[in-house]
C-alpha cells in the first residue's frame, strides 16, 4: 500500500520520510489548494530527503482553465524542475466547458519527458468521471488520478472510488483517493474501495489542520494501517 502526503516545507518532508510514507506531493499555498512550489524548496527536498516525490504544477488558483501564457509558464516550470531531478509532477487542466484540456495536457506531457504525472483534483470538477478517466487512460504519461470522487470528502464517495478502481484494474492510471481521509476512517475506507494507494493532507497534521506541522503519531498510525494491506 502506497501512502502519499502533502508537504510544503523541508521540515514536512523530513517528518514524512521519518514515518515511512512512500511519496510526497510538494506544493506551496496550501490554503489555495496547492500551487507550484519554489525551485529552492524542491531542490532542498531532492538533496536531503531520500523519498519519491511529485511536484505540483499549478500557476494560479483562479480556475483549472489556462491561457497560452499559463501553459508556457507551466512548461518552463516542468523543464526547470526536471533539470534539478524532479521525479514526477502533479497537474491538471480543463476546457471552459469542463472537459479535460487534451491540447494543453499533451504539451505538458511532452515537456515532462516520460516522468510520471498525476492528474490532480481538477478531475473532481468533471461531471462524467468515468468518461474522463477513459480519456486519461489514453496517455501513458498519466500514471495516477487524484480524486475525491467528486465530493468534498472522499469518505462520502466510496462507491464512486470503487467504480474508478475497477476501471483502473482493467486498464488505466492508478486511482489515488484523497481529501478528507484521516487515520480513524482510513482502514475501513481501504477495505471498502480496494485501492492500492492513497493521499493525505490535513489528516496527518496536528489538530487536523493543513496549516499546522505534521503529527508524528498520526503519520505512524497511517503507516501502520497501510502496512496491514501489503
Protein backbone atom coordinates (compact mmCIF):
# COMPACT_ATOMS: atom_id res chain seq x y z
CA UNK A 1 0.00 0.00 0.00
CA UNK A 2 1.46 3.35 -1.08
CA UNK A 3 0.89 6.33 1.22
CA UNK A 4 1.40 9.81 -0.24
CA UNK A 5 1.30 13.01 1.82
CA UNK A 6 1.26 16.72 1.02
CA UNK A 7 4.33 18.74 2.06
CA UNK A 8 5.20 22.39 1.67
CA UNK A 9 8.33 22.76 3.84
CA UNK A 10 11.55 20.82 4.21
CA UNK A 11 10.53 20.02 7.81
CA UNK A 12 7.31 18.46 6.48
CA UNK A 13 9.29 16.30 4.10
CA UNK A 14 11.72 15.13 6.78
CA UNK A 15 8.90 14.26 9.17
CA UNK A 16 7.04 12.33 6.47
CA UNK A 17 10.17 10.42 5.48
CA UNK A 18 10.89 9.51 9.11
CA UNK A 19 7.45 7.94 9.44
CA UNK A 20 7.93 5.68 6.45
CA UNK A 21 5.46 7.19 3.98
CA UNK A 22 6.19 6.34 0.37
CA UNK A 23 5.77 9.53 -1.63
CA UNK A 24 5.48 13.29 -1.24
CA UNK A 25 3.40 15.82 -3.13
CA UNK A 26 5.33 19.11 -2.94
CA UNK A 27 3.24 22.28 -3.11
CA UNK A 28 3.05 25.83 -1.87
CA UNK A 29 -0.02 27.87 -0.85
CA UNK A 30 -1.97 25.05 0.82
CA UNK A 31 -4.91 27.37 1.57
CA UNK A 32 -5.37 27.79 -2.20
CA UNK A 33 -5.42 24.07 -2.82
CA UNK A 34 -1.74 23.91 -3.71
CA UNK A 35 0.29 25.89 -6.22
CA UNK A 36 3.70 25.46 -7.88
CA UNK A 37 6.40 25.43 -5.17
CA UNK A 38 9.72 27.23 -5.36
CA UNK A 39 12.67 25.73 -7.17
CA UNK A 40 14.72 26.09 -3.99
CA UNK A 41 12.29 24.05 -1.87
CA UNK A 42 12.17 21.22 -4.37
CA UNK A 43 15.93 21.22 -4.68
CA UNK A 44 16.37 21.06 -0.89
CA UNK A 45 13.94 18.15 -0.58
CA UNK A 46 15.62 16.39 -3.51
CA UNK A 47 19.02 16.73 -1.79
CA UNK A 48 18.05 16.00 1.82
CA UNK A 49 15.15 13.52 1.72
CA UNK A 50 15.53 10.10 0.14
CA UNK A 51 11.93 9.65 -0.94
CA UNK A 52 9.88 9.62 -4.11
CA UNK A 53 8.11 12.92 -4.77
CA UNK A 54 5.95 14.73 -7.26
CA UNK A 55 5.87 18.49 -7.81
CA UNK A 56 2.67 20.47 -8.19
CA UNK A 57 2.46 22.44 -11.44
CA UNK A 58 -0.33 24.96 -10.97
CA UNK A 59 0.37 28.65 -11.72
CA UNK A 60 -2.73 30.11 -10.04
CA UNK A 61 -5.90 29.15 -8.22
CA UNK A 62 -8.43 31.15 -10.27
CA UNK A 63 -9.56 28.08 -12.16
CA UNK A 64 -8.26 24.97 -13.89
CA UNK A 65 -8.55 26.67 -17.29
CA UNK A 66 -5.25 28.03 -18.54
CA UNK A 67 -4.47 30.57 -21.26
CA UNK A 68 -1.44 30.34 -23.58
CA UNK A 69 0.75 32.31 -21.18
CA UNK A 70 -0.18 29.98 -18.32
CA UNK A 71 0.72 26.96 -20.45
CA UNK A 72 4.10 28.46 -21.33
CA UNK A 73 4.75 29.13 -17.64
CA UNK A 74 3.85 25.56 -16.74
CA UNK A 75 6.12 24.21 -19.48
CA UNK A 76 9.04 26.23 -18.13
CA UNK A 77 8.35 25.13 -14.56
CA UNK A 78 8.29 21.48 -15.58
CA UNK A 79 11.56 21.85 -17.50
CA UNK A 80 13.23 23.63 -14.57
CA UNK A 81 12.13 21.01 -12.04
CA UNK A 82 13.09 18.19 -14.37
CA UNK A 83 16.58 19.68 -14.69
CA UNK A 84 17.13 19.54 -10.90
CA UNK A 85 15.99 15.95 -10.62
CA UNK A 86 12.22 16.07 -10.06
CA UNK A 87 10.80 12.57 -10.09
CA UNK A 88 7.29 13.39 -11.27
CA UNK A 89 4.60 16.04 -11.49
CA UNK A 90 1.03 16.79 -10.40
CA UNK A 91 -1.08 18.81 -12.81
CA UNK A 92 -4.49 19.11 -14.40
CA UNK A 93 -6.30 21.30 -16.86
CA UNK A 94 -9.84 21.72 -18.10
CA UNK A 95 -11.58 23.39 -21.02
CA UNK A 96 -14.13 26.17 -20.29
CA UNK A 97 -16.93 23.63 -20.73
CA UNK A 98 -15.48 21.34 -18.05
CA UNK A 99 -13.75 18.66 -20.11
CA UNK A 100 -10.10 17.63 -19.96
CA UNK A 101 -7.95 20.07 -21.93
CA UNK A 102 -6.16 17.47 -24.02
CA UNK A 103 -4.33 20.04 -26.14
CA UNK A 104 -2.68 21.60 -23.10
CA UNK A 105 -2.15 18.23 -21.47
CA UNK A 106 -0.24 16.90 -24.47
CA UNK A 107 2.07 19.92 -24.38
CA UNK A 108 2.90 19.43 -20.71
CA UNK A 109 3.39 15.69 -21.02
CA UNK A 110 5.87 16.31 -23.81
CA UNK A 111 7.97 18.57 -21.58
CA UNK A 112 7.76 16.05 -18.71
CA UNK A 113 9.68 13.65 -20.98
CA UNK A 114 8.19 10.45 -19.59
CA UNK A 115 8.34 11.31 -15.89
CA UNK A 116 5.21 10.10 -14.07
CA UNK A 117 2.33 12.56 -13.89
CA UNK A 118 -0.65 12.66 -11.53
CA UNK A 119 -3.77 14.36 -12.88
CA UNK A 120 -4.97 16.30 -9.85
CA UNK A 121 -8.37 17.19 -8.43
CA UNK A 122 -9.37 19.25 -11.43
CA UNK A 123 -10.78 15.80 -12.18
CA UNK A 124 -13.42 16.37 -9.48
CA UNK A 125 -14.95 19.25 -11.44
CA UNK A 126 -15.80 16.93 -14.34
CA UNK A 127 -19.36 15.65 -14.32
CA UNK A 128 -18.75 12.29 -16.00
CA UNK A 129 -15.72 10.99 -14.18
CA UNK A 130 -15.74 7.54 -15.72
CA UNK A 131 -15.64 9.02 -19.22
CA UNK A 132 -12.85 11.41 -18.17
CA UNK A 133 -10.92 8.51 -16.67
CA UNK A 134 -11.12 6.71 -20.00
CA UNK A 135 -9.73 9.80 -21.74
CA UNK A 136 -6.78 9.97 -19.34
CA UNK A 137 -6.16 6.26 -19.87
CA UNK A 138 -5.05 7.08 -23.42
CA UNK A 139 -1.98 8.89 -22.11
CA UNK A 140 0.75 6.60 -20.73
CA UNK A 141 2.38 9.60 -19.01
CA UNK A 142 -0.64 9.92 -16.71
CA UNK A 143 0.14 7.32 -14.07
CA UNK A 144 -2.28 8.47 -11.35
CA UNK A 145 -5.58 10.31 -10.94
CA UNK A 146 -6.03 12.16 -7.64
CA UNK A 147 -9.72 12.36 -6.80
CA UNK A 148 -12.27 12.69 -4.04
CA UNK A 149 -14.88 11.04 -6.24
CA UNK A 150 -16.41 14.44 -6.95
CA UNK A 151 -17.33 15.06 -3.31
CA UNK A 152 -15.85 17.41 -0.72
CA UNK A 153 -14.62 14.36 1.20
CA UNK A 154 -13.60 11.09 -0.40
CA UNK A 155 -15.23 9.33 2.57
CA UNK A 156 -18.58 10.34 1.04
CA UNK A 157 -17.67 8.82 -2.32
CA UNK A 158 -16.64 5.24 -1.66
CA UNK A 159 -18.93 3.89 -4.39
CA UNK A 160 -17.50 6.29 -6.98
CA UNK A 161 -13.94 5.42 -5.97
CA UNK A 162 -14.72 1.73 -6.20
CA UNK A 163 -16.06 2.18 -9.75
CA UNK A 164 -12.93 4.08 -10.79
CA UNK A 165 -10.77 1.43 -9.16
CA UNK A 166 -12.45 -1.25 -11.27
CA UNK A 167 -11.70 0.79 -14.40
CA UNK A 168 -8.10 1.20 -13.27
CA UNK A 169 -7.71 -2.54 -12.81
CA UNK A 170 -8.92 -3.12 -16.37
CA UNK A 171 -6.65 -0.53 -17.99
CA UNK A 172 -5.79 2.93 -16.81
CA UNK A 173 -3.99 5.13 -14.30
CA UNK A 174 -3.79 4.28 -10.62
CA UNK A 175 -6.66 5.75 -8.60
CA UNK A 176 -5.26 7.97 -5.84
CA UNK A 177 -8.09 8.87 -3.43
CA UNK A 178 -7.64 11.97 -1.31
CA UNK A 179 -9.45 14.80 0.54
CA UNK A 180 -10.99 14.13 3.92
CA UNK A 181 -9.08 10.97 4.74
CA UNK A 182 -7.99 10.65 8.36
CA UNK A 183 -6.49 7.78 10.37
CA UNK A 184 -9.69 6.81 12.20
CA UNK A 185 -11.53 6.02 8.95
CA UNK A 186 -8.62 5.01 6.76
CA UNK A 187 -8.67 1.23 7.27
CA UNK A 188 -12.40 0.90 6.60
CA UNK A 189 -12.09 3.08 3.51
CA UNK A 190 -9.26 0.96 2.09
CA UNK A 191 -11.28 -2.21 2.64
CA UNK A 192 -14.39 -0.74 1.00
CA UNK A 193 -12.65 0.58 -2.11
CA UNK A 194 -9.77 -1.89 -2.72
CA UNK A 195 -7.45 0.93 -3.76
CA UNK A 196 -3.71 0.35 -3.53
CA UNK A 197 -2.60 3.93 -2.91
CA UNK A 198 -3.96 6.93 -1.01
CA UNK A 199 -3.21 10.62 -0.47
CA UNK A 200 -3.43 12.63 2.77
CA UNK A 201 -3.07 16.27 3.76
CA UNK A 202 -4.72 17.63 6.89
CA UNK A 203 -5.35 14.09 8.17
CA UNK A 204 -1.71 13.69 9.19
CA UNK A 205 -1.28 17.13 10.76
CA UNK A 206 -1.80 18.46 14.25
CA UNK A 207 -5.44 19.25 15.01
CA UNK A 208 -6.36 18.06 11.52
CA UNK A 209 -5.27 21.47 10.19
CA UNK A 210 -3.29 21.63 6.94
CA UNK A 211 -1.57 24.79 8.18
CA UNK A 212 -0.18 23.01 11.25
CA UNK A 213 3.01 20.87 11.39
CA UNK A 214 3.00 17.16 10.74
CA UNK A 215 1.74 15.00 13.60
CA UNK A 216 4.23 12.11 14.09
CA UNK A 217 1.63 9.98 15.88
CA UNK A 218 -0.83 10.28 13.00
CA UNK A 219 1.88 9.60 10.45
CA UNK A 220 2.90 6.46 12.29
CA UNK A 221 -0.72 5.37 12.62
CA UNK A 222 -1.24 5.80 8.90
CA UNK A 223 1.89 3.85 8.06
CA UNK A 224 0.82 1.05 10.40
CA UNK A 225 -2.58 0.81 8.69
CA UNK A 226 -1.01 0.84 5.23
CA UNK A 227 1.37 -1.95 6.22
CA UNK A 228 -1.58 -4.20 7.02
CA UNK A 229 -2.60 -4.08 3.35
CA UNK A 230 0.72 -5.24 1.93
